[in-house]
Amino acid sequence: MCGLAHIVAGSVDAFYLVAIGQIDVATYLTGFFVPTLIGNV
């Protein structure tokens, strides 16, 4: 509801975009995985 970032649930979403060719893996890593991992921890 608040649009927050969760490392596992959000990875499903981000990898879906990777799978359909809308983003690349580097974008997933730098734009989602790294900042979300830092914040969740």
ModelCIF file with pLDDT and N, C-alpha, C, O atoms, coordinates in Angstrom:
data_MODEL
#
_entry.id   MODEL 
#
_entity.id                         1 
_entity.type                       polymer 
_entity.pdbx_number_of_molecules   1 
#
_entity_poly.entity_id                      1 
_entity_poly.type                           'polypeptide(L)' 
_entity_poly.nstd_linkage                   no 
_entity_poly.nstd_monomer                   no 
_entity_poly.pdbx_seq_one_letter_code       MCGLAHIVAGSVDAFYLVAIGQIDVATYLTGFFVPTLIGNV 
_entity_poly.pdbx_seq_one_letter_code_can   MCGLAHIVAGSVDAFYLVAIGQIDVATYLTGFFVPTLIGNV 
_entity_poly.pdbx_strand_id                 A 
#
loop_
_entity_poly_seq.entity_id 
_entity_poly_seq.num 
_entity_poly_seq.mon_id 
_entity_poly_seq.hetero 
1 1  MET n 
1 2  CYS n 
1 3  GLY n 
1 4  LEU n 
1 5  ALA n 
1 6  HIS n 
1 7  ILE n 
1 8  VAL n 
1 9  ALA n 
1 10 GLY n 
1 11 SER n 
1 12 VAL n 
1 13 ASP n 
1 14 ALA n 
1 15 PHE n 
1 16 TYR n 
1 17 LEU n 
1 18 VAL n 
1 19 ALA n 
1 20 ILE n 
1 21 GLY n 
1 22 GLN n 
1 23 ILE n 
1 24 ASP n 
1 25 VAL n 
1 26 ALA n 
1 27 THR n 
1 28 TYR n 
1 29 LEU n 
1 30 THR n 
1 31 GLY n 
1 32 PHE n 
1 33 PHE n 
1 34 VAL n 
1 35 PRO n 
1 36 THR n 
1 37 LEU n 
1 38 ILE n 
1 39 GLY n 
1 40 ASN n 
1 41 VAL n 
#
_struct_asym.id          A 
_struct_asym.entity_id   1 
#
loop_
_ma_qa_metric.id 
_ma_qa_metric.mode 
_ma_qa_metric.name 
_ma_qa_metric.software_group_id 
_ma_qa_metric.type 
1 global pLDDT . pLDDT 
2 local  pLDDT . pLDDT 
#
_ma_qa_metric_global.metric_id      1 
_ma_qa_metric_global.metric_value   97.27 
_ma_qa_metric_global.model_id       1 
_ma_qa_metric_global.ordinal_id     1 
#
loop_
_ma_qa_metric_local.label_asym_id 
_ma_qa_metric_local.label_comp_id 
_ma_qa_metric_local.label_seq_id 
_ma_qa_metric_local.metric_id 
_ma_qa_metric_local.metric_value 
_ma_qa_metric_local.model_id 
_ma_qa_metric_local.ordinal_id 
A MET 1  2 94.00 1 1  
A CYS 2  2 95.00 1 2  
A GLY 3  2 95.00 1 3  
A LEU 4  2 97.00 1 4  
A ALA 5  2 97.00 1 5  
A HIS 6  2 98.00 1 6  
A ILE 7  2 98.00 1 7  
A VAL 8  2 98.00 1 8  
A ALA 9  2 97.00 1 9  
A GLY 10 2 97.00 1 10 
A SER 11 2 98.00 1 11 
A VAL 12 2 98.00 1 12 
A ASP 13 2 98.00 1 13 
A ALA 14 2 98.00 1 14 
A PHE 15 2 98.00 1 15 
A TYR 16 2 98.00 1 16 
A LEU 17 2 98.00 1 17 
A VAL 18 2 98.00 1 18 
A ALA 19 2 97.00 1 19 
A ILE 20 2 97.00 1 20 
A GLY 21 2 96.00 1 21 
A GLN 22 2 97.00 1 22 
A ILE 23 2 97.00 1 23 
A ASP 24 2 97.00 1 24 
A VAL 25 2 97.00 1 25 
A ALA 26 2 97.00 1 26 
A THR 27 2 97.00 1 27 
A TYR 28 2 97.00 1 28 
A LEU 29 2 97.00 1 29 
A THR 30 2 97.00 1 30 
A GLY 31 2 96.00 1 31 
A PHE 32 2 98.00 1 32 
A PHE 33 2 98.00 1 33 
A VAL 34 2 98.00 1 34 
A PRO 35 2 98.00 1 35 
A THR 36 2 98.00 1 36 
A LEU 37 2 98.00 1 37 
A ILE 38 2 98.00 1 38 
A GLY 39 2 98.00 1 39 
A ASN 40 2 98.00 1 40 
A VAL 41 2 97.00 1 41 
#
loop_
_atom_site.group_PDB 
_atom_site.id 
_atom_site.type_symbol 
_atom_site.label_atom_id 
_atom_site.label_alt_id 
_atom_site.label_comp_id 
_atom_site.label_asym_id 
_atom_site.label_entity_id 
_atom_site.label_seq_id 
_atom_site.pdbx_PDB_ins_code 
_atom_site.Cartn_x 
_atom_site.Cartn_y 
_atom_site.Cartn_z 
_atom_site.occupancy 
_atom_site.B_iso_or_equiv 
_atom_site.pdbx_formal_charge 
_atom_site.auth_seq_id 
_atom_site.auth_comp_id 
_atom_site.auth_asym_id 
_atom_site.auth_atom_id 
_atom_site.pdbx_PDB_model_num 
ATOM 1   N N  . MET A 1 1  ? 0.824  -1.207  0.000   1.00 94.00 ? 1  MET A N  1 
ATOM 2   C CA . MET A 1 1  ? 0.000  0.000   0.000   1.00 94.00 ? 1  MET A CA 1 
ATOM 3   C C  . MET A 1 1  ? 0.860  1.260   0.000   1.00 94.00 ? 1  MET A C  1 
ATOM 4   O O  . MET A 1 1  ? 0.517  2.255   -0.639  1.00 94.00 ? 1  MET A O  1 
ATOM 5   N N  . CYS A 1 2  ? 1.972  1.211   0.716   1.00 95.00 ? 2  CYS A N  1 
ATOM 6   C CA . CYS A 1 2  ? 2.863  2.373   0.826   1.00 95.00 ? 2  CYS A CA 1 
ATOM 7   C C  . CYS A 1 2  ? 3.932  2.406   -0.259  1.00 95.00 ? 2  CYS A C  1 
ATOM 8   O O  . CYS A 1 2  ? 4.753  3.323   -0.285  1.00 95.00 ? 2  CYS A O  1 
ATOM 9   N N  . GLY A 1 3  ? 3.935  1.415   -1.157  1.00 95.00 ? 3  GLY A N  1 
ATOM 10  C CA . GLY A 1 3  ? 4.909  1.391   -2.239  1.00 95.00 ? 3  GLY A CA 1 
ATOM 11  C C  . GLY A 1 3  ? 6.329  1.172   -1.777  1.00 95.00 ? 3  GLY A C  1 
ATOM 12  O O  . GLY A 1 3  ? 7.261  1.735   -2.352  1.00 95.00 ? 3  GLY A O  1 
ATOM 13  N N  . LEU A 1 4  ? 6.514  0.355   -0.736  1.00 97.00 ? 4  LEU A N  1 
ATOM 14  C CA . LEU A 1 4  ? 7.836  0.125   -0.169  1.00 97.00 ? 4  LEU A CA 1 
ATOM 15  C C  . LEU A 1 4  ? 8.571  -0.979  -0.926  1.00 97.00 ? 4  LEU A C  1 
ATOM 16  O O  . LEU A 1 4  ? 7.986  -1.664  -1.765  1.00 97.00 ? 4  LEU A O  1 
ATOM 17  N N  . ALA A 1 5  ? 9.857  -1.144  -0.622  1.00 97.00 ? 5  ALA A N  1 
ATOM 18  C CA . ALA A 1 5  ? 10.714 -2.069  -1.379  1.00 97.00 ? 5  ALA A CA 1 
ATOM 19  C C  . ALA A 1 5  ? 11.105 -3.269  -0.533  1.00 97.00 ? 5  ALA A C  1 
ATOM 20  O O  . ALA A 1 5  ? 11.748 -3.122  0.506   1.00 97.00 ? 5  ALA A O  1 
ATOM 21  N N  . HIS A 1 6  ? 10.711 -4.460  -0.981  1.00 98.00 ? 6  HIS A N  1 
ATOM 22  C CA . HIS A 1 6  ? 11.046 -5.705  -0.295  1.00 98.00 ? 6  HIS A CA 1 
ATOM 23  C C  . HIS A 1 6  ? 11.933 -6.540  -1.202  1.00 98.00 ? 6  HIS A C  1 
ATOM 24  O O  . HIS A 1 6  ? 11.592 -6.758  -2.364  1.00 98.00 ? 6  HIS A O  1 
ATOM 25  N N  . ILE A 1 7  ? 13.064 -7.010  -0.692  1.00 98.00 ? 7  ILE A N  1 
ATOM 26  C CA . ILE A 1 7  ? 14.091 -7.624  -1.516  1.00 98.00 ? 7  ILE A CA 1 
ATOM 27  C C  . ILE A 1 7  ? 13.615 -8.868  -2.264  1.00 98.00 ? 7  ILE A C  1 
ATOM 28  O O  . ILE A 1 7  ? 14.040 -9.100  -3.395  1.00 98.00 ? 7  ILE A O  1 
ATOM 29  N N  . VAL A 1 8  ? 12.737 -9.676  -1.652  1.00 98.00 ? 8  VAL A N  1 
ATOM 30  C CA . VAL A 1 8  ? 12.313 -10.920 -2.303  1.00 98.00 ? 8  VAL A CA 1 
ATOM 31  C C  . VAL A 1 8  ? 11.086 -10.698 -3.173  1.00 98.00 ? 8  VAL A C  1 
ATOM 32  O O  . VAL A 1 8  ? 11.090 -11.057 -4.350  1.00 98.00 ? 8  VAL A O  1 
ATOM 33  N N  . ALA A 1 9  ? 10.043 -10.116 -2.615  1.00 97.00 ? 9  ALA A N  1 
ATOM 34  C CA . ALA A 1 9  ? 8.841  -9.854  -3.417  1.00 97.00 ? 9  ALA A CA 1 
ATOM 35  C C  . ALA A 1 9  ? 9.170  -8.946  -4.593  1.00 97.00 ? 9  ALA A C  1 
ATOM 36  O O  . ALA A 1 9  ? 8.686  -9.164  -5.703  1.00 97.00 ? 9  ALA A O  1 
ATOM 37  N N  . GLY A 1 10 ? 9.988  -7.933  -4.354  1.00 97.00 ? 10 GLY A N  1 
ATOM 38  C CA . GLY A 1 10 ? 10.355 -7.012  -5.428  1.00 97.00 ? 10 GLY A CA 1 
ATOM 39  C C  . GLY A 1 10 ? 11.226 -7.661  -6.490  1.00 97.00 ? 10 GLY A C  1 
ATOM 40  O O  . GLY A 1 10 ? 11.194 -7.250  -7.650  1.00 97.00 ? 10 GLY A O  1 
ATOM 41  N N  . SER A 1 11 ? 12.007 -8.671  -6.109  1.00 98.00 ? 11 SER A N  1 
ATOM 42  C CA . SER A 1 11 ? 12.837 -9.358  -7.099  1.00 98.00 ? 11 SER A CA 1 
ATOM 43  C C  . SER A 1 11 ? 11.991 -10.126 -8.106  1.00 98.00 ? 11 SER A C  1 
ATOM 44  O O  . SER A 1 11 ? 12.364 -10.240 -9.274  1.00 98.00 ? 11 SER A O  1 
ATOM 45  N N  . VAL A 1 12 ? 10.849 -10.655 -7.657  1.00 98.00 ? 12 VAL A N  1 
ATOM 46  C CA . VAL A 1 12 ? 9.930  -11.294 -8.611  1.00 98.00 ? 12 VAL A CA 1 
ATOM 47  C C  . VAL A 1 12 ? 9.512  -10.275 -9.665  1.00 98.00 ? 12 VAL A C  1 
ATOM 48  O O  . VAL A 1 12 ? 9.538  -10.555 -10.863 1.00 98.00 ? 12 VAL A O  1 
ATOM 49  N N  . ASP A 1 13 ? 9.124  -9.080  -9.198  1.00 98.00 ? 13 ASP A N  1 
ATOM 50  C CA . ASP A 1 13 ? 8.692  -8.026  -10.116 1.00 98.00 ? 13 ASP A CA 1 
ATOM 51  C C  . ASP A 1 13 ? 9.819  -7.617  -11.061 1.00 98.00 ? 13 ASP A C  1 
ATOM 52  O O  . ASP A 1 13 ? 9.631  -7.561  -12.277 1.00 98.00 ? 13 ASP A O  1 
ATOM 53  N N  . ALA A 1 14 ? 10.992 -7.332  -10.492 1.00 98.00 ? 14 ALA A N  1 
ATOM 54  C CA . ALA A 1 14 ? 12.104 -6.850  -11.310 1.00 98.00 ? 14 ALA A CA 1 
ATOM 55  C C  . ALA A 1 14 ? 12.569 -7.911  -12.302 1.00 98.00 ? 14 ALA A C  1 
ATOM 56  O O  . ALA A 1 14 ? 12.868 -7.590  -13.452 1.00 98.00 ? 14 ALA A O  1 
ATOM 57  N N  . PHE A 1 15 ? 12.633 -9.157  -11.875 1.00 98.00 ? 15 PHE A N  1 
ATOM 58  C CA . PHE A 1 15 ? 13.040 -10.226 -12.792 1.00 98.00 ? 15 PHE A CA 1 
ATOM 59  C C  . PHE A 1 15 ? 12.000 -10.449 -13.882 1.00 98.00 ? 15 PHE A C  1 
ATOM 60  O O  . PHE A 1 15 ? 12.337 -10.899 -14.978 1.00 98.00 ? 15 PHE A O  1 
ATOM 61  N N  . TYR A 1 16 ? 10.751 -10.143 -13.595 1.00 98.00 ? 16 TYR A N  1 
ATOM 62  C CA . TYR A 1 16 ? 9.733  -10.235 -14.647 1.00 98.00 ? 16 TYR A CA 1 
ATOM 63  C C  . TYR A 1 16 ? 10.053 -9.229  -15.753 1.00 98.00 ? 16 TYR A C  1 
ATOM 64  O O  . TYR A 1 16 ? 9.935  -9.547  -16.936 1.00 98.00 ? 16 TYR A O  1 
ATOM 65  N N  . LEU A 1 17 ? 10.457 -8.016  -15.368 1.00 98.00 ? 17 LEU A N  1 
ATOM 66  C CA . LEU A 1 17 ? 10.838 -7.011  -16.361 1.00 98.00 ? 17 LEU A CA 1 
ATOM 67  C C  . LEU A 1 17 ? 12.089 -7.439  -17.124 1.00 98.00 ? 17 LEU A C  1 
ATOM 68  O O  . LEU A 1 17 ? 12.206 -7.181  -18.322 1.00 98.00 ? 17 LEU A O  1 
ATOM 69  N N  . VAL A 1 18 ? 13.017 -8.087  -16.437 1.00 98.00 ? 18 VAL A N  1 
ATOM 70  C CA . VAL A 1 18 ? 14.213 -8.616  -17.116 1.00 98.00 ? 18 VAL A CA 1 
ATOM 71  C C  . VAL A 1 18 ? 13.801 -9.676  -18.126 1.00 98.00 ? 18 VAL A C  1 
ATOM 72  O O  . VAL A 1 18 ? 14.295 -9.690  -19.254 1.00 98.00 ? 18 VAL A O  1 
ATOM 73  N N  . ALA A 1 19 ? 12.900 -10.563 -17.724 1.00 97.00 ? 19 ALA A N  1 
ATOM 74  C CA . ALA A 1 19 ? 12.493 -11.674 -18.574 1.00 97.00 ? 19 ALA A CA 1 
ATOM 75  C C  . ALA A 1 19 ? 11.770 -11.211 -19.837 1.00 97.00 ? 19 ALA A C  1 
ATOM 76  O O  . ALA A 1 19 ? 11.883 -11.848 -20.884 1.00 97.00 ? 19 ALA A O  1 
ATOM 77  N N  . ILE A 1 20 ? 11.027 -10.104 -19.745 1.00 97.00 ? 20 ILE A N  1 
ATOM 78  C CA . ILE A 1 20 ? 10.303 -9.625  -20.937 1.00 97.00 ? 20 ILE A CA 1 
ATOM 79  C C  . ILE A 1 20 ? 11.120 -8.568  -21.692 1.00 97.00 ? 20 ILE A C  1 
ATOM 80  O O  . ILE A 1 20 ? 10.634 -7.978  -22.657 1.00 97.00 ? 20 ILE A O  1 
ATOM 81  N N  . GLY A 1 21 ? 12.351 -8.334  -21.252 1.00 96.00 ? 21 GLY A N  1 
ATOM 82  C CA . GLY A 1 21 ? 13.265 -7.473  -21.990 1.00 96.00 ? 21 GLY A CA 1 
ATOM 83  C C  . GLY A 1 21 ? 13.108 -5.988  -21.758 1.00 96.00 ? 21 GLY A C  1 
ATOM 84  O O  . GLY A 1 21 ? 13.621 -5.193  -22.546 1.00 96.00 ? 21 GLY A O  1 
ATOM 85  N N  . GLN A 1 22 ? 12.413 -5.581  -20.697 1.00 97.00 ? 22 GLN A N  1 
ATOM 86  C CA . GLN A 1 22 ? 12.212 -4.153  -20.453 1.00 97.00 ? 22 GLN A CA 1 
ATOM 87  C C  . GLN A 1 22 ? 13.346 -3.525  -19.636 1.00 97.00 ? 22 GLN A C  1 
ATOM 88  O O  . GLN A 1 22 ? 13.552 -2.313  -19.702 1.00 97.00 ? 22 GLN A O  1 
ATOM 89  N N  . ILE A 1 23 ? 14.081 -4.332  -18.871 1.00 97.00 ? 23 ILE A N  1 
ATOM 90  C CA . ILE A 1 23 ? 15.285 -3.859  -18.193 1.00 97.00 ? 23 ILE A CA 1 
ATOM 91  C C  . ILE A 1 23 ? 16.346 -4.948  -18.305 1.00 97.00 ? 23 ILE A C  1 
ATOM 92  O O  . ILE A 1 23 ? 16.037 -6.088  -18.649 1.00 97.00 ? 23 ILE A O  1 
ATOM 93  N N  . ASP A 1 24 ? 17.598 -4.594  -18.013 1.00 97.00 ? 24 ASP A N  1 
ATOM 94  C CA . ASP A 1 24 ? 18.660 -5.607  -18.008 1.00 97.00 ? 24 ASP A CA 1 
ATOM 95  C C  . ASP A 1 24 ? 19.040 -5.962  -16.570 1.00 97.00 ? 24 ASP A C  1 
ATOM 96  O O  . ASP A 1 24 ? 18.563 -5.347  -15.616 1.00 97.00 ? 24 ASP A O  1 
ATOM 97  N N  . VAL A 1 25 ? 19.900 -6.958  -16.436 1.00 97.00 ? 25 VAL A N  1 
ATOM 98  C CA . VAL A 1 25 ? 20.284 -7.426  -15.112 1.00 97.00 ? 25 VAL A CA 1 
ATOM 99  C C  . VAL A 1 25 ? 21.032 -6.343  -14.334 1.00 97.00 ? 25 VAL A C  1 
ATOM 100 O O  . VAL A 1 25 ? 20.881 -6.235  -13.117 1.00 97.00 ? 25 VAL A O  1 
ATOM 101 N N  . ALA A 1 26 ? 21.835 -5.545  -15.034 1.00 97.00 ? 26 ALA A N  1 
ATOM 102 C CA . ALA A 1 26 ? 22.573 -4.468  -14.362 1.00 97.00 ? 26 ALA A CA 1 
ATOM 103 C C  . ALA A 1 26 ? 21.613 -3.469  -13.729 1.00 97.00 ? 26 ALA A C  1 
ATOM 104 O O  . ALA A 1 26 ? 21.858 -2.983  -12.625 1.00 97.00 ? 26 ALA A O  1 
ATOM 105 N N  . THR A 1 27 ? 20.530 -3.164  -14.418 1.00 97.00 ? 27 THR A N  1 
ATOM 106 C CA . THR A 1 27 ? 19.520 -2.251  -13.864 1.00 97.00 ? 27 THR A CA 1 
ATOM 107 C C  . THR A 1 27 ? 18.867 -2.866  -12.636 1.00 97.00 ? 27 THR A C  1 
ATOM 108 O O  . THR A 1 27 ? 18.606 -2.179  -11.648 1.00 97.00 ? 27 THR A O  1 
ATOM 109 N N  . TYR A 1 28 ? 18.608 -4.163  -12.708 1.00 97.00 ? 28 TYR A N  1 
ATOM 110 C CA . TYR A 1 28 ? 18.049 -4.852  -11.540 1.00 97.00 ? 28 TYR A CA 1 
ATOM 111 C C  . TYR A 1 28 ? 18.995 -4.736  -10.343 1.00 97.00 ? 28 TYR A C  1 
ATOM 112 O O  . TYR A 1 28 ? 18.564 -4.446  -9.227  1.00 97.00 ? 28 TYR A O  1 
ATOM 113 N N  . LEU A 1 29 ? 20.280 -4.963  -10.585 1.00 97.00 ? 29 LEU A N  1 
ATOM 114 C CA . LEU A 1 29 ? 21.246 -4.969  -9.485  1.00 97.00 ? 29 LEU A CA 1 
ATOM 115 C C  . LEU A 1 29 ? 21.434 -3.586  -8.879  1.00 97.00 ? 29 LEU A C  1 
ATOM 116 O O  . LEU A 1 29 ? 21.380 -3.426  -7.660  1.00 97.00 ? 29 LEU A O  1 
ATOM 117 N N  . THR A 1 30 ? 21.657 -2.584  -9.731  1.00 97.00 ? 30 THR A N  1 
ATOM 118 C CA . THR A 1 30 ? 21.961 -1.245  -9.222  1.00 97.00 ? 30 THR A CA 1 
ATOM 119 C C  . THR A 1 30 ? 20.715 -0.434  -8.874  1.00 97.00 ? 30 THR A C  1 
ATOM 120 O O  . THR A 1 30 ? 20.747 0.413   -7.982  1.00 97.00 ? 30 THR A O  1 
ATOM 121 N N  . GLY A 1 31 ? 19.624 -0.699  -9.579  1.00 96.00 ? 31 GLY A N  1 
ATOM 122 C CA . GLY A 1 31 ? 18.421 0.088   -9.366  1.00 96.00 ? 31 GLY A CA 1 
ATOM 123 C C  . GLY A 1 31 ? 17.472 -0.493  -8.330  1.00 96.00 ? 31 GLY A C  1 
ATOM 124 O O  . GLY A 1 31 ? 16.619 0.212   -7.791  1.00 96.00 ? 31 GLY A O  1 
ATOM 125 N N  . PHE A 1 32 ? 17.628 -1.801  -8.053  1.00 98.00 ? 32 PHE A N  1 
ATOM 126 C CA . PHE A 1 32 ? 16.734 -2.415  -7.071  1.00 98.00 ? 32 PHE A CA 1 
ATOM 127 C C  . PHE A 1 32 ? 17.474 -3.238  -6.025  1.00 98.00 ? 32 PHE A C  1 
ATOM 128 O O  . PHE A 1 32 ? 17.358 -2.957  -4.832  1.00 98.00 ? 32 PHE A O  1 
ATOM 129 N N  . PHE A 1 33 ? 18.227 -4.243  -6.442  1.00 98.00 ? 33 PHE A N  1 
ATOM 130 C CA . PHE A 1 33 ? 18.772 -5.213  -5.498  1.00 98.00 ? 33 PHE A CA 1 
ATOM 131 C C  . PHE A 1 33 ? 19.659 -4.574  -4.437  1.00 98.00 ? 33 PHE A C  1 
ATOM 132 O O  . PHE A 1 33 ? 19.422 -4.769  -3.245  1.00 98.00 ? 33 PHE A O  1 
ATOM 133 N N  . VAL A 1 34 ? 20.664 -3.823  -4.838  1.00 98.00 ? 34 VAL A N  1 
ATOM 134 C CA . VAL A 1 34 ? 21.615 -3.260  -3.875  1.00 98.00 ? 34 VAL A CA 1 
ATOM 135 C C  . VAL A 1 34 ? 20.939 -2.281  -2.915  1.00 98.00 ? 34 VAL A C  1 
ATOM 136 O O  . VAL A 1 34 ? 21.085 -2.441  -1.703  1.00 98.00 ? 34 VAL A O  1 
ATOM 137 N N  . PRO A 1 35 ? 20.203 -1.270  -3.404  1.00 98.00 ? 35 PRO A N  1 
ATOM 138 C CA . PRO A 1 35 ? 19.586 -0.344  -2.442  1.00 98.00 ? 35 PRO A CA 1 
ATOM 139 C C  . PRO A 1 35 ? 18.536 -1.008  -1.549  1.00 98.00 ? 35 PRO A C  1 
ATOM 140 O O  . PRO A 1 35 ? 18.390 -0.645  -0.381  1.00 98.00 ? 35 PRO A O  1 
ATOM 141 N N  . THR A 1 36 ? 17.812 -1.971  -2.096  1.00 98.00 ? 36 THR A N  1 
ATOM 142 C CA . THR A 1 36 ? 16.782 -2.639  -1.298  1.00 98.00 ? 36 THR A CA 1 
ATOM 143 C C  . THR A 1 36 ? 17.405 -3.535  -0.240  1.00 98.00 ? 36 THR A C  1 
ATOM 144 O O  . THR A 1 36 ? 16.916 -3.602  0.888   1.00 98.00 ? 36 THR A O  1 
ATOM 145 N N  . LEU A 1 37 ? 18.478 -4.222  -0.596  1.00 98.00 ? 37 LEU A N  1 
ATOM 146 C CA . LEU A 1 37 ? 19.172 -5.058  0.380   1.00 98.00 ? 37 LEU A CA 1 
ATOM 147 C C  . LEU A 1 37 ? 19.701 -4.218  1.528   1.00 98.00 ? 37 LEU A C  1 
ATOM 148 O O  . LEU A 1 37 ? 19.543 -4.577  2.695   1.00 98.00 ? 37 LEU A O  1 
ATOM 149 N N  . ILE A 1 38 ? 20.334 -3.092  1.194   1.00 98.00 ? 38 ILE A N  1 
ATOM 150 C CA . ILE A 1 38 ? 20.852 -2.200  2.241   1.00 98.00 ? 38 ILE A CA 1 
ATOM 151 C C  . ILE A 1 38 ? 19.719 -1.751  3.159   1.00 98.00 ? 38 ILE A C  1 
ATOM 152 O O  . ILE A 1 38 ? 19.827 -1.844  4.382   1.00 98.00 ? 38 ILE A O  1 
ATOM 153 N N  . GLY A 1 39 ? 18.646 -1.271  2.569   1.00 98.00 ? 39 GLY A N  1 
ATOM 154 C CA . GLY A 1 39 ? 17.547 -0.740  3.355   1.00 98.00 ? 39 GLY A CA 1 
ATOM 155 C C  . GLY A 1 39 ? 16.844 -1.780  4.207   1.00 98.00 ? 39 GLY A C  1 
ATOM 156 O O  . GLY A 1 39 ? 16.541 -1.524  5.372   1.00 98.00 ? 39 GLY A O  1 
ATOM 157 N N  . ASN A 1 40 ? 16.581 -2.952  3.642   1.00 98.00 ? 40 ASN A N  1 
ATOM 158 C CA . ASN A 1 40 ? 15.916 -4.004  4.409   1.00 98.00 ? 40 ASN A CA 1 
ATOM 159 C C  . ASN A 1 40 ? 16.747 -4.438  5.607   1.00 98.00 ? 40 ASN A C  1 
ATOM 160 O O  . ASN A 1 40 ? 16.209 -4.654  6.693   1.00 98.00 ? 40 ASN A O  1 
ATOM 161 N N  . VAL A 1 41 ? 18.063 -4.567  5.414   1.00 97.00 ? 41 VAL A N  1 
ATOM 162 C CA . VAL A 1 41 ? 18.936 -4.974  6.517   1.00 97.00 ? 41 VAL A CA 1 
ATOM 163 C C  . VAL A 1 41 ? 18.986 -3.890  7.590   1.00 97.00 ? 41 VAL A C  1 
ATOM 164 O O  . VAL A 1 41 ? 19.671 -4.052  8.600   1.00 97.00 ? 41 VAL A O  1 
#
